[in-house]
Amino acid sequence: VVILFVCLLFFFFFFGGGWGGGGRAPPPPAASTGSLLLWGGMNSDGVPFLEPAFVVDAPPAMPHSAGDHRVMGRTAEGEELFSVSFAMPEVADRNGGSSFVIVMPVRPEWAGALDSITLTGPGGSVTLDGESNRPMAILRDPRTGQVRGFVRDLAGPAQAAAMDTVGPAVGPGLETLFSRGIPSAEAWRRRALGWWLRCCG
């Protein structure tokens, strides 16, 4: 199902700035290697959820203060790559839940090392890892960074088509970003190539 809407959360995703949440992140690398999109929230019962994470070419958008929620990234061996404490935004969505977005500057060594992402809070915890299978694609204008749509619950030929078109423009000047939960090695490779071409091409 294609969801053609402009999500308010992605205003922060593509235009930077924080949303007054909280926490800290690793310092940006000396040479920019892009960002990791972490997003999710709480449902109407207060239970946390995570959307698939994406490697993106976007400015950081970090929370400014700590809170009772934390998102963490770990390697397969349990080594912590990042940990950010933040306050879940109080603005509720139309279903009675709340949502957050963190766009975190990445370190080059995270490529291939990030094995799981966990969100914890008063309502419990949820984890994305290599077994997660929540295929999703973001349609994006590579020139402006504007999100043009989302494709959720991909299956069969639709999922294969989305994976095959990741990176290059699809349709009228659009780029496809694809994730099952944790960014794949191919996603990291394509992003690294894009950053290299932009900086050195």
C-alpha atoms as a PDB file:
ATOM      1  CA  VAL A   1       0.000   0.000   0.000  1.00  0.00           C
ATOM      2  CA  VAL A   2       1.428   3.338  -1.054  1.00  0.00           C
ATOM      3  CA  ILE A   3       0.925   6.054   1.527  1.00  0.00           C
ATOM      4  CA  LEU A   4       1.137   9.420  -0.212  1.00  0.00           C
ATOM      5  CA  PHE A   5       1.397  11.908   2.572  1.00  0.00           C
ATOM      6  CA  VAL A   6       3.971  14.328   3.949  1.00  0.00           C
ATOM      7  CA  CYS A   7       4.717  13.277   7.517  1.00  0.00           C
ATOM      8  CA  LEU A   8       5.293  16.149   9.916  1.00  0.00           C
ATOM      9  CA  LEU A   9       8.077  14.158  11.536  1.00  0.00           C
ATOM     10  CA  PHE A  10      10.058  14.207   8.303  1.00  0.00           C
ATOM     11  CA  PHE A  11      10.150  18.009   8.374  1.00  0.00           C
ATOM     12  CA  PHE A  12      12.823  17.502  11.006  1.00  0.00           C
ATOM     13  CA  PHE A  13      14.336  14.618   9.047  1.00  0.00           C
ATOM     14  CA  PHE A  14      15.116  16.665   5.975  1.00  0.00           C
ATOM     15  CA  PHE A  15      15.566  20.170   7.366  1.00  0.00           C
ATOM     16  CA  GLY A  16      17.518  19.364  10.515  1.00  0.00           C
ATOM     17  CA  GLY A  17      17.107  20.737  14.014  1.00  0.00           C
ATOM     18  CA  GLY A  18      15.891  19.018  17.134  1.00  0.00           C
ATOM     19  CA  TRP A  19      12.477  18.475  18.583  1.00  0.00           C
ATOM     20  CA  GLY A  20      13.226  19.066  22.214  1.00  0.00           C
ATOM     21  CA  GLY A  21      13.502  15.436  23.210  1.00  0.00           C
ATOM     22  CA  GLY A  22      16.779  14.548  24.857  1.00  0.00           C
ATOM     23  CA  GLY A  23      19.920  12.526  24.875  1.00  0.00           C
ATOM     24  CA  ARG A  24      23.319  12.453  23.374  1.00  0.00           C
ATOM     25  CA  ALA A  25      24.945  10.826  20.383  1.00  0.00           C
ATOM     26  CA  PRO A  26      28.478  10.066  19.270  1.00  0.00           C
ATOM     27  CA  PRO A  27      30.267  13.133  17.869  1.00  0.00           C
ATOM     28  CA  PRO A  28      29.990  13.575  14.111  1.00  0.00           C
ATOM     29  CA  PRO A  29      32.870  12.051  12.166  1.00  0.00           C
ATOM     30  CA  ALA A  30      35.494  14.422  10.779  1.00  0.00           C
ATOM     31  CA  ALA A  31      34.196  13.787   7.269  1.00  0.00           C
ATOM     32  CA  SER A  32      30.426  13.482   6.981  1.00  0.00           C
ATOM     33  CA  THR A  33      29.237   9.980   6.145  1.00  0.00           C
ATOM     34  CA  GLY A  34      25.521  10.676   6.416  1.00  0.00           C
ATOM     35  CA  SER A  35      22.952   9.840   9.067  1.00  0.00           C
ATOM     36  CA  LEU A  36      20.900   7.012  10.503  1.00  0.00           C
ATOM     37  CA  LEU A  37      17.139   7.558  10.603  1.00  0.00           C
ATOM     38  CA  LEU A  38      15.639   6.164  13.816  1.00  0.00           C
ATOM     39  CA  TRP A  39      11.903   6.600  14.221  1.00  0.00           C
ATOM     40  CA  GLY A  40       8.998   5.076  16.041  1.00  0.00           C
ATOM     41  CA  GLY A  41       6.857   5.920  19.043  1.00  0.00           C
ATOM     42  CA  MET A  42       4.187   4.592  21.380  1.00  0.00           C
ATOM     43  CA  ASN A  43       0.778   3.234  20.484  1.00  0.00           C
ATOM     44  CA  SER A  44      -2.411   4.249  22.265  1.00  0.00           C
ATOM     45  CA  ASP A  45      -1.630   1.766  25.070  1.00  0.00           C
ATOM     46  CA  GLY A  46       1.825   3.246  25.672  1.00  0.00           C
ATOM     47  CA  VAL A  47       3.650   0.283  24.109  1.00  0.00           C
ATOM     48  CA  PRO A  48       6.766   1.346  22.162  1.00  0.00           C
ATOM     49  CA  PHE A  49       7.317   0.500  18.498  1.00  0.00           C
ATOM     50  CA  LEU A  50      10.104   1.039  15.976  1.00  0.00           C
ATOM     51  CA  GLU A  51       9.831   1.663  12.264  1.00  0.00           C
ATOM     52  CA  PRO A  52      12.535   0.286   9.938  1.00  0.00           C
ATOM     53  CA  ALA A  53      15.808   2.219  10.202  1.00  0.00           C
ATOM     54  CA  PHE A  54      17.331   3.851   7.124  1.00  0.00           C
ATOM     55  CA  VAL A  55      20.772   5.121   6.166  1.00  0.00           C
ATOM     56  CA  VAL A  56      20.098   8.593   4.758  1.00  0.00           C
ATOM     57  CA  ASP A  57      21.847  11.595   3.310  1.00  0.00           C
ATOM     58  CA  ALA A  58      20.316  14.147   5.660  1.00  0.00           C
ATOM     59  CA  PRO A  59      21.450  16.607   8.356  1.00  0.00           C
ATOM     60  CA  PRO A  60      21.387  15.407  11.973  1.00  0.00           C
ATOM     61  CA  ALA A  61      18.263  16.052  14.057  1.00  0.00           C
ATOM     62  CA  MET A  62      19.014  15.119  17.649  1.00  0.00           C
ATOM     63  CA  PRO A  63      17.013  15.556  20.876  1.00  0.00           C
ATOM     64  CA  HIS A  64      18.242  18.233  23.275  1.00  0.00           C
ATOM     65  CA  SER A  65      17.596  16.724  26.697  1.00  0.00           C
ATOM     66  CA  ALA A  66      17.288  13.350  28.390  1.00  0.00           C
ATOM     67  CA  GLY A  67      14.011  11.594  29.131  1.00  0.00           C
ATOM     68  CA  ASP A  68      12.443   8.265  30.052  1.00  0.00           C
ATOM     69  CA  HIS A  69      12.944   6.661  26.634  1.00  0.00           C
ATOM     70  CA  ARG A  70      16.206   5.376  25.185  1.00  0.00           C
ATOM     71  CA  VAL A  71      17.228   4.062  21.783  1.00  0.00           C
ATOM     72  CA  MET A  72      20.370   1.928  21.532  1.00  0.00           C
ATOM     73  CA  GLY A  73      22.360   0.313  18.753  1.00  0.00           C
ATOM     74  CA  ARG A  74      24.530  -2.760  19.315  1.00  0.00           C
ATOM     75  CA  THR A  75      26.773  -5.137  17.411  1.00  0.00           C
ATOM     76  CA  ALA A  76      26.122  -8.880  17.232  1.00  0.00           C
ATOM     77  CA  GLU A  77      28.539  -9.282  20.142  1.00  0.00           C
ATOM     78  CA  GLY A  78      26.572  -6.844  22.272  1.00  0.00           C
ATOM     79  CA  GLU A  79      28.981  -3.917  21.956  1.00  0.00           C
ATOM     80  CA  GLU A  80      27.139  -0.603  22.241  1.00  0.00           C
ATOM     81  CA  LEU A  81      27.499   1.644  19.189  1.00  0.00           C
ATOM     82  CA  PHE A  82      25.168   4.406  20.380  1.00  0.00           C
ATOM     83  CA  SER A  83      22.702   5.148  23.158  1.00  0.00           C
ATOM     84  CA  VAL A  84      20.420   8.173  23.261  1.00  0.00           C
ATOM     85  CA  SER A  85      18.022   9.084  26.049  1.00  0.00           C
ATOM     86  CA  PHE A  86      15.100  11.325  25.111  1.00  0.00           C
ATOM     87  CA  ALA A  87      11.641  12.472  26.109  1.00  0.00           C
ATOM     88  CA  MET A  88       8.909  11.196  23.808  1.00  0.00           C
ATOM     89  CA  PRO A  89       7.193  14.201  22.188  1.00  0.00           C
ATOM     90  CA  GLU A  90       3.902  14.942  23.896  1.00  0.00           C
ATOM     91  CA  VAL A  91       2.008  15.731  20.704  1.00  0.00           C
ATOM     92  CA  ALA A  92      -0.254  12.718  20.206  1.00  0.00           C
ATOM     93  CA  ASP A  93      -1.207  11.394  16.796  1.00  0.00           C
ATOM     94  CA  ARG A  94      -4.788  10.843  15.750  1.00  0.00           C
ATOM     95  CA  ASN A  95      -4.772   7.295  17.158  1.00  0.00           C
ATOM     96  CA  GLY A  96      -3.798   8.426  20.642  1.00  0.00           C
ATOM     97  CA  GLY A  97      -0.127   7.488  20.354  1.00  0.00           C
ATOM     98  CA  SER A  98       3.060   9.518  20.056  1.00  0.00           C
ATOM     99  CA  SER A  99       5.927   9.492  17.589  1.00  0.00           C
ATOM    100  CA  PHE A 100       9.585  10.502  17.454  1.00  0.00           C
ATOM    101  CA  VAL A 101      12.339  10.911  14.883  1.00  0.00           C
ATOM    102  CA  ILE A 102      16.080  10.954  15.492  1.00  0.00           C
ATOM    103  CA  VAL A 103      18.497  11.526  12.621  1.00  0.00           C
ATOM    104  CA  MET A 104      21.857  10.486  14.020  1.00  0.00           C
ATOM    105  CA  PRO A 105      25.262  11.192  12.449  1.00  0.00           C
ATOM    106  CA  VAL A 106      26.890   7.825  11.779  1.00  0.00           C
ATOM    107  CA  ARG A 107      30.418   6.539  12.166  1.00  0.00           C
ATOM    108  CA  PRO A 108      31.998   4.726   9.191  1.00  0.00           C
ATOM    109  CA  GLU A 109      32.625   1.632  11.314  1.00  0.00           C
ATOM    110  CA  TRP A 110      28.891   1.163  11.870  1.00  0.00           C
ATOM    111  CA  ALA A 111      28.511  -0.174   8.323  1.00  0.00           C
ATOM    112  CA  GLY A 112      28.102  -3.908   8.639  1.00  0.00           C
ATOM    113  CA  ALA A 113      28.468  -3.744  12.447  1.00  0.00           C
ATOM    114  CA  LEU A 114      25.024  -2.457  13.486  1.00  0.00           C
ATOM    115  CA  ASP A 115      23.147  -5.639  14.346  1.00  0.00           C
ATOM    116  CA  SER A 116      20.235  -4.445  16.501  1.00  0.00           C
ATOM    117  CA  ILE A 117      18.345  -1.315  17.525  1.00  0.00           C
ATOM    118  CA  THR A 118      16.328  -1.280  20.751  1.00  0.00           C
ATOM    119  CA  LEU A 119      13.824   1.259  22.035  1.00  0.00           C
ATOM    120  CA  THR A 120      13.028   1.138  25.754  1.00  0.00           C
ATOM    121  CA  GLY A 121      10.597   3.141  27.877  1.00  0.00           C
ATOM    122  CA  PRO A 122       8.042   2.908  30.671  1.00  0.00           C
ATOM    123  CA  GLY A 123       5.772   0.844  28.405  1.00  0.00           C
ATOM    124  CA  GLY A 124       8.365  -1.825  27.642  1.00  0.00           C
ATOM    125  CA  SER A 125      10.920  -2.382  24.906  1.00  0.00           C
ATOM    126  CA  VAL A 126      11.096  -3.367  21.254  1.00  0.00           C
ATOM    127  CA  THR A 127      14.048  -4.461  19.106  1.00  0.00           C
ATOM    128  CA  LEU A 128      14.857  -4.494  15.411  1.00  0.00           C
ATOM    129  CA  ASP A 129      17.525  -6.975  14.314  1.00  0.00           C
ATOM    130  CA  GLY A 130      18.573  -9.157  11.409  1.00  0.00           C
ATOM    131  CA  GLU A 131      15.453 -11.285  11.829  1.00  0.00           C
ATOM    132  CA  SER A 132      13.104  -8.307  11.501  1.00  0.00           C
ATOM    133  CA  ASN A 133      11.074  -8.365   8.318  1.00  0.00           C
ATOM    134  CA  ARG A 134       9.018  -5.192   8.061  1.00  0.00           C
ATOM    135  CA  PRO A 135       9.856  -4.225   4.464  1.00  0.00           C
ATOM    136  CA  MET A 136       9.340  -0.548   3.756  1.00  0.00           C
ATOM    137  CA  ALA A 137      10.438   1.866   1.058  1.00  0.00           C
ATOM    138  CA  ILE A 138      10.679   5.649   1.121  1.00  0.00           C
ATOM    139  CA  LEU A 139      10.270   7.584  -2.122  1.00  0.00           C
ATOM    140  CA  ARG A 140      12.424  10.690  -2.011  1.00  0.00           C
ATOM    141  CA  ASP A 141      13.428  13.539  -4.293  1.00  0.00           C
ATOM    142  CA  PRO A 142      17.259  13.302  -4.260  1.00  0.00           C
ATOM    143  CA  ARG A 143      17.653  16.943  -5.274  1.00  0.00           C
ATOM    144  CA  THR A 144      15.559  18.492  -2.497  1.00  0.00           C
ATOM    145  CA  GLY A 145      15.432  15.668   0.074  1.00  0.00           C
ATOM    146  CA  GLN A 146      11.629  15.890   0.183  1.00  0.00           C
ATOM    147  CA  VAL A 147       9.757  12.679   0.991  1.00  0.00           C
ATOM    148  CA  ARG A 148       7.191  11.963  -1.710  1.00  0.00           C
ATOM    149  CA  GLY A 149       5.669   8.798  -0.305  1.00  0.00           C
ATOM    150  CA  PHE A 150       5.998   5.573   1.674  1.00  0.00           C
ATOM    151  CA  VAL A 151       5.462   1.978   0.596  1.00  0.00           C
ATOM    152  CA  ARG A 152       4.687  -0.373   3.485  1.00  0.00           C
ATOM    153  CA  ASP A 153       4.040  -4.090   3.835  1.00  0.00           C
ATOM    154  CA  LEU A 154       5.895  -4.977   0.660  1.00  0.00           C
ATOM    155  CA  ALA A 155       5.622  -8.589  -0.399  1.00  0.00           C
ATOM    156  CA  GLY A 156       6.560 -10.762  -3.349  1.00  0.00           C
ATOM    157  CA  PRO A 157       7.225  -8.931  -6.625  1.00  0.00           C
ATOM    158  CA  ALA A 158       6.680  -5.494  -5.053  1.00  0.00           C
ATOM    159  CA  GLN A 159       9.427  -6.123  -2.489  1.00  0.00           C
ATOM    160  CA  ALA A 160      11.824  -7.420  -5.140  1.00  0.00           C
ATOM    161  CA  ALA A 161      11.138  -4.389  -7.323  1.00  0.00           C
ATOM    162  CA  ALA A 162      11.790  -1.996  -4.440  1.00  0.00           C
ATOM    163  CA  MET A 163      15.076  -3.720  -3.598  1.00  0.00           C
ATOM    164  CA  ASP A 164      16.170  -3.671  -7.239  1.00  0.00           C
ATOM    165  CA  THR A 165      15.561   0.063  -7.587  1.00  0.00           C
ATOM    166  CA  VAL A 166      17.221   1.225  -4.364  1.00  0.00           C
ATOM    167  CA  GLY A 167      19.497   4.185  -5.020  1.00  0.00           C
ATOM    168  CA  PRO A 168      18.806   5.220  -8.606  1.00  0.00           C
ATOM    169  CA  ALA A 169      15.986   7.542  -9.488  1.00  0.00           C
ATOM    170  CA  VAL A 170      12.656   5.799  -9.993  1.00  0.00           C
ATOM    171  CA  GLY A 171       9.756   7.442 -11.720  1.00  0.00           C
ATOM    172  CA  PRO A 172       9.951  11.214 -12.288  1.00  0.00           C
ATOM    173  CA  GLY A 173      13.258  11.919 -10.550  1.00  0.00           C
ATOM    174  CA  LEU A 174      12.572   9.918  -7.380  1.00  0.00           C
ATOM    175  CA  GLU A 175      14.975   7.819  -5.323  1.00  0.00           C
ATOM    176  CA  THR A 176      14.003   4.674  -3.418  1.00  0.00           C
ATOM    177  CA  LEU A 177      15.316   3.886   0.074  1.00  0.00           C
ATOM    178  CA  PHE A 178      14.563   0.348   1.272  1.00  0.00           C
ATOM    179  CA  SER A 179      14.809  -1.351   4.685  1.00  0.00           C
ATOM    180  CA  ARG A 180      13.480  -4.483   6.385  1.00  0.00           C
ATOM    181  CA  GLY A 181      14.356  -3.150   9.838  1.00  0.00           C
ATOM    182  CA  ILE A 182      18.149  -2.899  10.087  1.00  0.00           C
ATOM    183  CA  PRO A 183      19.924  -1.216   7.142  1.00  0.00           C
ATOM    184  CA  SER A 184      21.469  -3.858   4.904  1.00  0.00           C
ATOM    185  CA  ALA A 185      25.105  -3.999   3.803  1.00  0.00           C
ATOM    186  CA  GLU A 186      23.912  -2.909   0.363  1.00  0.00           C
ATOM    187  CA  ALA A 187      22.195   0.159   1.821  1.00  0.00           C
ATOM    188  CA  TRP A 188      25.411   1.174   3.580  1.00  0.00           C
ATOM    189  CA  ARG A 189      27.414   0.583   0.394  1.00  0.00           C
ATOM    190  CA  ARG A 190      25.085   2.627  -1.791  1.00  0.00           C
ATOM    191  CA  ARG A 191      25.010   5.498   0.671  1.00  0.00           C
ATOM    192  CA  ALA A 192      28.802   5.507   0.990  1.00  0.00           C
ATOM    193  CA  LEU A 193      29.119   5.605  -2.788  1.00  0.00           C
ATOM    194  CA  GLY A 194      26.640   8.465  -2.986  1.00  0.00           C
ATOM    195  CA  TRP A 195      28.470  10.494  -0.334  1.00  0.00           C
ATOM    196  CA  TRP A 196      31.801   9.843  -2.081  1.00  0.00           C
ATOM    197  CA  LEU A 197      30.455  10.972  -5.451  1.00  0.00           C
ATOM    198  CA  ARG A 198      28.942  14.089  -3.930  1.00  0.00           C
ATOM    199  CA  CYS A 199      32.127  15.067  -2.144  1.00  0.00           C
ATOM    200  CA  CYS A 200      34.763  13.892  -4.573  1.00  0.00           C
ATOM    201  CA  GLY A 201      33.054  13.397  -7.891  1.00  0.00           C
END
